[in-house]
Amino acid sequence: MAERCGIMRLLDTWYAGLARGVGGTSKILGRVHAAMIEVGGKFFTSSFTVLENHKVDFLFGLDNLKRHHCCIDLKNN
């Protein structure tokens, strides 16, 4: 996804390593410290960890949900 979005040039490989989670492990290629993302017509600057995982394109994790004061309304979709 990072390649398709054209942000690989912003990748800081100092943060490379290995991510371990419930679904297994994945190689961390690095971190993009600041890039724009559009969600629901609103723009946010956020940081991203780039994984060498082709199973999932993008995860907006709890850390970002909290940082941007997001509210997910499951009742009203």
C-alpha atoms as a PDB file:
ATOM      1  CA  MET A   1       0.000   0.000   0.000  1.00  0.00           C
ATOM      2  CA  ALA A   2       2.833   2.415   0.847  1.00  0.00           C
ATOM      3  CA  GLU A   3       4.268   1.896  -2.634  1.00  0.00           C
ATOM      4  CA  ARG A   4       0.874   2.510  -4.282  1.00  0.00           C
ATOM      5  CA  CYS A   5       0.449   5.705  -2.235  1.00  0.00           C
ATOM      6  CA  GLY A   6       3.924   6.945  -3.199  1.00  0.00           C
ATOM      7  CA  ILE A   7       5.216   7.352   0.362  1.00  0.00           C
ATOM      8  CA  MET A   8       8.069   4.823   0.301  1.00  0.00           C
ATOM      9  CA  ARG A   9      10.461   7.739  -0.266  1.00  0.00           C
ATOM     10  CA  LEU A  10       9.521   8.914   3.264  1.00  0.00           C
ATOM     11  CA  LEU A  11      10.369   5.550   4.862  1.00  0.00           C
ATOM     12  CA  ASP A  12      12.762   5.730   7.833  1.00  0.00           C
ATOM     13  CA  THR A  13      14.433   2.297   7.892  1.00  0.00           C
ATOM     14  CA  TRP A  14      15.918   2.993  11.332  1.00  0.00           C
ATOM     15  CA  TYR A  15      12.616   1.571  12.672  1.00  0.00           C
ATOM     16  CA  ALA A  16      12.933  -1.748  10.784  1.00  0.00           C
ATOM     17  CA  GLY A  17      12.406  -4.916  12.793  1.00  0.00           C
ATOM     18  CA  LEU A  18       9.878  -7.646  13.426  1.00  0.00           C
ATOM     19  CA  ALA A  19       6.217  -7.237  14.399  1.00  0.00           C
ATOM     20  CA  ARG A  20       4.644 -10.024  16.442  1.00  0.00           C
ATOM     21  CA  GLY A  21       0.941 -10.334  17.055  1.00  0.00           C
ATOM     22  CA  VAL A  22      -1.995 -12.699  17.368  1.00  0.00           C
ATOM     23  CA  GLY A  23      -2.010 -13.295  13.585  1.00  0.00           C
ATOM     24  CA  GLY A  24       1.697 -14.171  13.424  1.00  0.00           C
ATOM     25  CA  THR A  25       4.797 -12.170  12.576  1.00  0.00           C
ATOM     26  CA  SER A  26       5.682  -9.716   9.824  1.00  0.00           C
ATOM     27  CA  LYS A  27       8.827  -7.843   8.888  1.00  0.00           C
ATOM     28  CA  ILE A  28       8.742  -4.101   9.666  1.00  0.00           C
ATOM     29  CA  LEU A  29      10.321  -2.203   6.774  1.00  0.00           C
ATOM     30  CA  GLY A  30      10.340   1.125   8.617  1.00  0.00           C
ATOM     31  CA  ARG A  31       8.234   4.088   9.616  1.00  0.00           C
ATOM     32  CA  VAL A  32       6.763   7.084   7.798  1.00  0.00           C
ATOM     33  CA  HIS A  33       6.744   9.864  10.378  1.00  0.00           C
ATOM     34  CA  ALA A  34       4.220  12.210   8.741  1.00  0.00           C
ATOM     35  CA  ALA A  35       1.893  11.687   5.791  1.00  0.00           C
ATOM     36  CA  MET A  36      -1.590  12.933   4.971  1.00  0.00           C
ATOM     37  CA  ILE A  37      -4.553  10.566   5.110  1.00  0.00           C
ATOM     38  CA  GLU A  38      -8.148  11.299   4.136  1.00  0.00           C
ATOM     39  CA  VAL A  39     -10.945   9.649   6.111  1.00  0.00           C
ATOM     40  CA  GLY A  40     -14.560  10.581   5.512  1.00  0.00           C
ATOM     41  CA  GLY A  41     -13.613  13.768   3.666  1.00  0.00           C
ATOM     42  CA  LYS A  42     -11.371  14.970   6.504  1.00  0.00           C
ATOM     43  CA  PHE A  43      -7.576  15.163   6.224  1.00  0.00           C
ATOM     44  CA  PHE A  44      -5.193  14.139   8.999  1.00  0.00           C
ATOM     45  CA  THR A  45      -1.427  14.024   9.332  1.00  0.00           C
ATOM     46  CA  SER A  46      -0.381  10.709  10.792  1.00  0.00           C
ATOM     47  CA  SER A  47       2.605   8.393  11.131  1.00  0.00           C
ATOM     48  CA  PHE A  48       2.637   4.855   9.758  1.00  0.00           C
ATOM     49  CA  THR A  49       4.585   1.677  10.334  1.00  0.00           C
ATOM     50  CA  VAL A  50       5.162  -0.099   7.020  1.00  0.00           C
ATOM     51  CA  LEU A  51       5.086  -3.888   7.126  1.00  0.00           C
ATOM     52  CA  GLU A  52       6.128  -6.462   4.548  1.00  0.00           C
ATOM     53  CA  ASN A  53       2.688  -8.052   4.788  1.00  0.00           C
ATOM     54  CA  HIS A  54       0.489  -8.528   1.754  1.00  0.00           C
ATOM     55  CA  LYS A  55      -2.514  -9.897   3.678  1.00  0.00           C
ATOM     56  CA  VAL A  56      -3.762  -6.488   4.855  1.00  0.00           C
ATOM     57  CA  ASP A  57      -3.402  -3.179   2.985  1.00  0.00           C
ATOM     58  CA  PHE A  58      -3.930  -0.842   5.911  1.00  0.00           C
ATOM     59  CA  LEU A  59      -4.754  -0.905   9.618  1.00  0.00           C
ATOM     60  CA  PHE A  60      -5.877   2.212  11.440  1.00  0.00           C
ATOM     61  CA  GLY A  61      -4.948   1.069  14.914  1.00  0.00           C
ATOM     62  CA  LEU A  62      -6.174   2.021  18.343  1.00  0.00           C
ATOM     63  CA  ASP A  63      -3.229   4.386  18.798  1.00  0.00           C
ATOM     64  CA  ASN A  64      -4.352   6.475  15.804  1.00  0.00           C
ATOM     65  CA  LEU A  65      -8.037   6.259  16.743  1.00  0.00           C
ATOM     66  CA  LYS A  66      -7.191   7.708  20.146  1.00  0.00           C
ATOM     67  CA  ARG A  67      -4.756  10.324  18.808  1.00  0.00           C
ATOM     68  CA  HIS A  68      -7.363  11.716  16.406  1.00  0.00           C
ATOM     69  CA  HIS A  69     -10.303  11.383  18.862  1.00  0.00           C
ATOM     70  CA  CYS A  70     -12.172   9.031  16.519  1.00  0.00           C
ATOM     71  CA  CYS A  71     -15.607   7.687  17.334  1.00  0.00           C
ATOM     72  CA  ILE A  72     -16.915   4.559  15.626  1.00  0.00           C
ATOM     73  CA  ASP A  73     -20.708   4.466  15.609  1.00  0.00           C
ATOM     74  CA  LEU A  74     -21.527   0.781  15.058  1.00  0.00           C
ATOM     75  CA  LYS A  75     -25.212   1.306  15.819  1.00  0.00           C
ATOM     76  CA  ASN A  76     -25.674   3.671  12.869  1.00  0.00           C
ATOM     77  CA  ASN A  77     -22.927   2.193  10.664  1.00  0.00           C
END
